[in-house]
């Protein structure tokens, strides 16, 4: 499209061209920043992998408190934390200026939810590697306890059918 260099008075075409040109420049700058960030992240991950920083993370992570929580409650924790993450990411923008105290609280809640998801998933991966612990955890789950209670009550005769 040919845009005239000089016009008499206001030209909507030139105003639109300037607007779209500024958007294009901004997108190009953001794409360059994204590429630089991705290169830095990949380089950092390769470096950390080279110095074996991630090798003992799954074994040394503080997960002793997770064994006291039943397995199905842990799965429910993942679902709840996932919905919290989705609601905080989609409900409002976390990147708004000026920075408000409410945004800081949103970031803290989001980071706590992501930490819970990460720890529980790491624990579940560790449990899947050890099948006997997984079976023990499933036997101690709330669902298993409730289903066994219901089954034992269904096996018993109701009080009105018992002989006197």
C-alpha atoms as a PDB file:
ATOM      1  CA  UNK A   1       0.000   0.000   0.000  1.00  0.00           C
ATOM      2  CA  UNK A   2       1.331   3.388  -0.905  1.00  0.00           C
ATOM      3  CA  UNK A   3       1.090   6.008   1.825  1.00  0.00           C
ATOM      4  CA  UNK A   4       1.512   9.638   0.778  1.00  0.00           C
ATOM      5  CA  UNK A   5       4.355  11.457   2.526  1.00  0.00           C
ATOM      6  CA  UNK A   6       2.634  14.814   2.823  1.00  0.00           C
ATOM      7  CA  UNK A   7      -1.047  15.561   3.108  1.00  0.00           C
ATOM      8  CA  UNK A   8      -2.976  18.677   3.730  1.00  0.00           C
ATOM      9  CA  UNK A   9      -4.412  18.515   7.257  1.00  0.00           C
ATOM     10  CA  UNK A  10      -5.111  15.296   9.168  1.00  0.00           C
ATOM     11  CA  UNK A  11      -4.706  11.952   7.444  1.00  0.00           C
ATOM     12  CA  UNK A  12      -6.224   8.875   9.043  1.00  0.00           C
ATOM     13  CA  UNK A  13      -4.058   6.661   6.870  1.00  0.00           C
ATOM     14  CA  UNK A  14      -0.859   8.205   8.220  1.00  0.00           C
ATOM     15  CA  UNK A  15      -2.143   8.004  11.820  1.00  0.00           C
ATOM     16  CA  UNK A  16      -2.999   4.329  11.388  1.00  0.00           C
ATOM     17  CA  UNK A  17       0.358   3.668   9.740  1.00  0.00           C
ATOM     18  CA  UNK A  18       2.215   5.257  12.661  1.00  0.00           C
ATOM     19  CA  UNK A  19       0.129   3.244  15.145  1.00  0.00           C
ATOM     20  CA  UNK A  20       0.667  -0.092  13.414  1.00  0.00           C
ATOM     21  CA  UNK A  21       4.339   0.688  12.888  1.00  0.00           C
ATOM     22  CA  UNK A  22       4.776   1.295  16.631  1.00  0.00           C
ATOM     23  CA  UNK A  23       3.033  -2.017  17.407  1.00  0.00           C
ATOM     24  CA  UNK A  24       5.315  -3.791  14.930  1.00  0.00           C
ATOM     25  CA  UNK A  25       8.424  -2.272  16.506  1.00  0.00           C
ATOM     26  CA  UNK A  26       7.257  -3.234  19.986  1.00  0.00           C
ATOM     27  CA  UNK A  27       6.561  -6.815  18.900  1.00  0.00           C
ATOM     28  CA  UNK A  28       9.988  -7.103  17.306  1.00  0.00           C
ATOM     29  CA  UNK A  29      11.663  -5.841  20.498  1.00  0.00           C
ATOM     30  CA  UNK A  30       9.647  -8.285  22.628  1.00  0.00           C
ATOM     31  CA  UNK A  31      10.479 -11.198  20.320  1.00  0.00           C
ATOM     32  CA  UNK A  32      14.183 -10.353  20.588  1.00  0.00           C
ATOM     33  CA  UNK A  33      13.894 -10.176  24.401  1.00  0.00           C
ATOM     34  CA  UNK A  34      12.047 -13.520  24.437  1.00  0.00           C
ATOM     35  CA  UNK A  35      14.753 -15.151  22.316  1.00  0.00           C
ATOM     36  CA  UNK A  36      17.477 -13.809  24.614  1.00  0.00           C
ATOM     37  CA  UNK A  37      15.586 -15.044  27.685  1.00  0.00           C
ATOM     38  CA  UNK A  38      15.086 -18.499  26.194  1.00  0.00           C
ATOM     39  CA  UNK A  39      18.782 -18.772  25.300  1.00  0.00           C
ATOM     40  CA  UNK A  40      19.732 -17.744  28.851  1.00  0.00           C
ATOM     41  CA  UNK A  41      17.280 -20.216  30.411  1.00  0.00           C
ATOM     42  CA  UNK A  42      18.466 -23.101  28.235  1.00  0.00           C
ATOM     43  CA  UNK A  43      22.096 -22.224  28.971  1.00  0.00           C
ATOM     44  CA  UNK A  44      21.394 -22.079  32.705  1.00  0.00           C
ATOM     45  CA  UNK A  45      19.595 -25.439  32.616  1.00  0.00           C
ATOM     46  CA  UNK A  46      22.493 -27.054  30.730  1.00  0.00           C
ATOM     47  CA  UNK A  47      24.971 -25.601  33.211  1.00  0.00           C
ATOM     48  CA  UNK A  48      22.966 -26.791  36.215  1.00  0.00           C
ATOM     49  CA  UNK A  49      22.630 -30.218  34.662  1.00  0.00           C
ATOM     50  CA  UNK A  50      26.368 -30.318  33.979  1.00  0.00           C
ATOM     51  CA  UNK A  51      27.225 -29.620  37.618  1.00  0.00           C
ATOM     52  CA  UNK A  52      24.615 -32.198  38.726  1.00  0.00           C
ATOM     53  CA  UNK A  53      22.454 -29.663  40.544  1.00  0.00           C
ATOM     54  CA  UNK A  54      19.212 -31.538  39.764  1.00  0.00           C
ATOM     55  CA  UNK A  55      20.442 -35.057  40.489  1.00  0.00           C
ATOM     56  CA  UNK A  56      19.488 -35.217  44.156  1.00  0.00           C
ATOM     57  CA  UNK A  57      16.563 -32.812  44.096  1.00  0.00           C
ATOM     58  CA  UNK A  58      13.847 -35.466  44.071  1.00  0.00           C
ATOM     59  CA  UNK A  59      15.483 -37.416  46.892  1.00  0.00           C
ATOM     60  CA  UNK A  60      16.349 -34.478  49.140  1.00  0.00           C
ATOM     61  CA  UNK A  61      13.210 -32.374  48.709  1.00  0.00           C
ATOM     62  CA  UNK A  62      11.348 -31.841  51.998  1.00  0.00           C
ATOM     63  CA  UNK A  63       8.543 -34.356  51.506  1.00  0.00           C
ATOM     64  CA  UNK A  64       8.389 -36.174  54.838  1.00  0.00           C
ATOM     65  CA  UNK A  65       5.263 -34.262  55.782  1.00  0.00           C
ATOM     66  CA  UNK A  66       3.540 -35.451  52.596  1.00  0.00           C
ATOM     67  CA  UNK A  67       3.610 -39.099  53.709  1.00  0.00           C
ATOM     68  CA  UNK A  68       1.284 -38.233  56.598  1.00  0.00           C
ATOM     69  CA  UNK A  69      -1.340 -36.882  54.172  1.00  0.00           C
ATOM     70  CA  UNK A  70      -3.488 -39.586  52.531  1.00  0.00           C
ATOM     71  CA  UNK A  71      -2.927 -40.204  48.832  1.00  0.00           C
ATOM     72  CA  UNK A  72      -6.351 -39.104  47.628  1.00  0.00           C
ATOM     73  CA  UNK A  73      -6.136 -35.897  49.669  1.00  0.00           C
ATOM     74  CA  UNK A  74      -2.818 -35.181  47.932  1.00  0.00           C
ATOM     75  CA  UNK A  75      -4.493 -35.660  44.552  1.00  0.00           C
ATOM     76  CA  UNK A  76      -7.255 -33.312  45.680  1.00  0.00           C
ATOM     77  CA  UNK A  77      -4.562 -30.807  46.713  1.00  0.00           C
ATOM     78  CA  UNK A  78      -3.187 -30.875  43.162  1.00  0.00           C
ATOM     79  CA  UNK A  79      -6.632 -30.211  41.687  1.00  0.00           C
ATOM     80  CA  UNK A  80      -7.356 -27.355  44.101  1.00  0.00           C
ATOM     81  CA  UNK A  81      -3.917 -25.789  43.564  1.00  0.00           C
ATOM     82  CA  UNK A  82      -4.382 -26.080  39.791  1.00  0.00           C
ATOM     83  CA  UNK A  83      -7.715 -24.233  39.973  1.00  0.00           C
ATOM     84  CA  UNK A  84      -6.123 -21.562  42.171  1.00  0.00           C
ATOM     85  CA  UNK A  85      -3.370 -21.109  39.599  1.00  0.00           C
ATOM     86  CA  UNK A  86      -5.855 -20.888  36.746  1.00  0.00           C
ATOM     87  CA  UNK A  87      -8.047 -18.387  38.580  1.00  0.00           C
ATOM     88  CA  UNK A  88      -5.099 -16.148  39.451  1.00  0.00           C
ATOM     89  CA  UNK A  89      -3.676 -16.269  35.950  1.00  0.00           C
ATOM     90  CA  UNK A  90      -6.917 -15.716  34.044  1.00  0.00           C
ATOM     91  CA  UNK A  91      -8.926 -13.520  36.414  1.00  0.00           C
ATOM     92  CA  UNK A  92      -6.595 -10.562  36.303  1.00  0.00           C
ATOM     93  CA  UNK A  93      -3.294  -9.545  34.889  1.00  0.00           C
ATOM     94  CA  UNK A  94      -0.357  -9.983  37.212  1.00  0.00           C
ATOM     95  CA  UNK A  95       1.692  -7.480  35.221  1.00  0.00           C
ATOM     96  CA  UNK A  96       0.030  -4.161  35.862  1.00  0.00           C
ATOM     97  CA  UNK A  97       1.533  -0.862  36.813  1.00  0.00           C
ATOM     98  CA  UNK A  98       1.572   0.714  39.315  1.00  0.00           C
ATOM     99  CA  UNK A  99       2.454  -2.228  41.505  1.00  0.00           C
ATOM    100  CA  UNK A 100      -0.183  -2.702  44.180  1.00  0.00           C
ATOM    101  CA  UNK A 101      -0.122  -4.705  47.386  1.00  0.00           C
ATOM    102  CA  UNK A 102      -2.920  -6.895  46.022  1.00  0.00           C
ATOM    103  CA  UNK A 103      -0.679  -7.950  43.114  1.00  0.00           C
ATOM    104  CA  UNK A 104       1.998  -9.016  45.593  1.00  0.00           C
ATOM    105  CA  UNK A 105      -0.561 -11.157  47.415  1.00  0.00           C
ATOM    106  CA  UNK A 106      -1.627 -12.682  44.081  1.00  0.00           C
ATOM    107  CA  UNK A 107       1.990 -13.565  43.301  1.00  0.00           C
ATOM    108  CA  UNK A 108       2.490 -15.131  46.743  1.00  0.00           C
ATOM    109  CA  UNK A 109      -0.686 -17.229  46.423  1.00  0.00           C
ATOM    110  CA  UNK A 110       0.281 -18.290  42.909  1.00  0.00           C
ATOM    111  CA  UNK A 111       3.796 -19.277  43.967  1.00  0.00           C
ATOM    112  CA  UNK A 112       2.479 -21.257  46.955  1.00  0.00           C
ATOM    113  CA  UNK A 113      -0.003 -23.114  44.740  1.00  0.00           C
ATOM    114  CA  UNK A 114       2.722 -23.928  42.209  1.00  0.00           C
ATOM    115  CA  UNK A 115       5.005 -25.103  45.027  1.00  0.00           C
ATOM    116  CA  UNK A 116       2.297 -27.435  46.331  1.00  0.00           C
ATOM    117  CA  UNK A 117       1.749 -28.841  42.838  1.00  0.00           C
ATOM    118  CA  UNK A 118       5.498 -29.339  42.353  1.00  0.00           C
ATOM    119  CA  UNK A 119       6.052 -31.083  45.697  1.00  0.00           C
ATOM    120  CA  UNK A 120       3.039 -33.373  45.368  1.00  0.00           C
ATOM    121  CA  UNK A 121       3.916 -34.326  41.788  1.00  0.00           C
ATOM    122  CA  UNK A 122       7.512 -35.084  42.821  1.00  0.00           C
ATOM    123  CA  UNK A 123       6.183 -37.211  45.670  1.00  0.00           C
ATOM    124  CA  UNK A 124       3.789 -39.056  43.356  1.00  0.00           C
ATOM    125  CA  UNK A 125       6.603 -39.764  40.892  1.00  0.00           C
ATOM    126  CA  UNK A 126       8.676 -41.151  43.745  1.00  0.00           C
ATOM    127  CA  UNK A 127       5.707 -43.293  44.861  1.00  0.00           C
ATOM    128  CA  UNK A 128       5.167 -44.631  41.340  1.00  0.00           C
ATOM    129  CA  UNK A 129       8.751 -45.882  41.317  1.00  0.00           C
ATOM    130  CA  UNK A 130       8.127 -47.794  44.555  1.00  0.00           C
ATOM    131  CA  UNK A 131       4.994 -49.860  44.004  1.00  0.00           C
ATOM    132  CA  UNK A 132       4.833 -51.301  47.543  1.00  0.00           C
ATOM    133  CA  UNK A 133       4.773 -47.815  49.075  1.00  0.00           C
ATOM    134  CA  UNK A 134       2.094 -46.791  46.609  1.00  0.00           C
ATOM    135  CA  UNK A 135      -0.053 -49.758  47.658  1.00  0.00           C
ATOM    136  CA  UNK A 136       0.473 -48.910  51.345  1.00  0.00           C
ATOM    137  CA  UNK A 137      -0.452 -45.296  50.720  1.00  0.00           C
ATOM    138  CA  UNK A 138      -3.573 -46.350  48.810  1.00  0.00           C
ATOM    139  CA  UNK A 139      -4.635 -48.674  51.628  1.00  0.00           C
ATOM    140  CA  UNK A 140      -4.379 -45.753  54.066  1.00  0.00           C
ATOM    141  CA  UNK A 141      -6.295 -43.342  51.831  1.00  0.00           C
ATOM    142  CA  UNK A 142      -9.529 -41.677  52.900  1.00  0.00           C
ATOM    143  CA  UNK A 143     -11.475 -43.151  49.969  1.00  0.00           C
ATOM    144  CA  UNK A 144     -10.420 -46.682  50.906  1.00  0.00           C
ATOM    145  CA  UNK A 145     -11.366 -46.120  54.556  1.00  0.00           C
ATOM    146  CA  UNK A 146     -14.777 -44.704  53.686  1.00  0.00           C
ATOM    147  CA  UNK A 147     -15.512 -47.457  51.171  1.00  0.00           C
ATOM    148  CA  UNK A 148     -14.563 -50.148  53.695  1.00  0.00           C
ATOM    149  CA  UNK A 149     -16.789 -48.500  56.328  1.00  0.00           C
ATOM    150  CA  UNK A 150     -19.710 -48.395  53.897  1.00  0.00           C
ATOM    151  CA  UNK A 151     -19.112 -52.010  52.866  1.00  0.00           C
ATOM    152  CA  UNK A 152     -18.996 -53.178  56.491  1.00  0.00           C
ATOM    153  CA  UNK A 153     -22.233 -51.356  57.276  1.00  0.00           C
ATOM    154  CA  UNK A 154     -23.943 -52.835  54.218  1.00  0.00           C
ATOM    155  CA  UNK A 155     -22.889 -56.337  55.237  1.00  0.00           C
ATOM    156  CA  UNK A 156     -24.396 -55.946  58.701  1.00  0.00           C
ATOM    157  CA  UNK A 157     -28.112 -56.383  58.995  1.00  0.00           C
ATOM    158  CA  UNK A 158     -30.129 -53.296  59.790  1.00  0.00           C
ATOM    159  CA  UNK A 159     -31.278 -52.978  63.409  1.00  0.00           C
ATOM    160  CA  UNK A 160     -34.950 -53.518  62.503  1.00  0.00           C
ATOM    161  CA  UNK A 161     -34.189 -56.905  60.868  1.00  0.00           C
ATOM    162  CA  UNK A 162     -32.128 -58.289  63.798  1.00  0.00           C
ATOM    163  CA  UNK A 163     -33.777 -60.920  65.995  1.00  0.00           C
ATOM    164  CA  UNK A 164     -34.845 -59.752  69.428  1.00  0.00           C
END
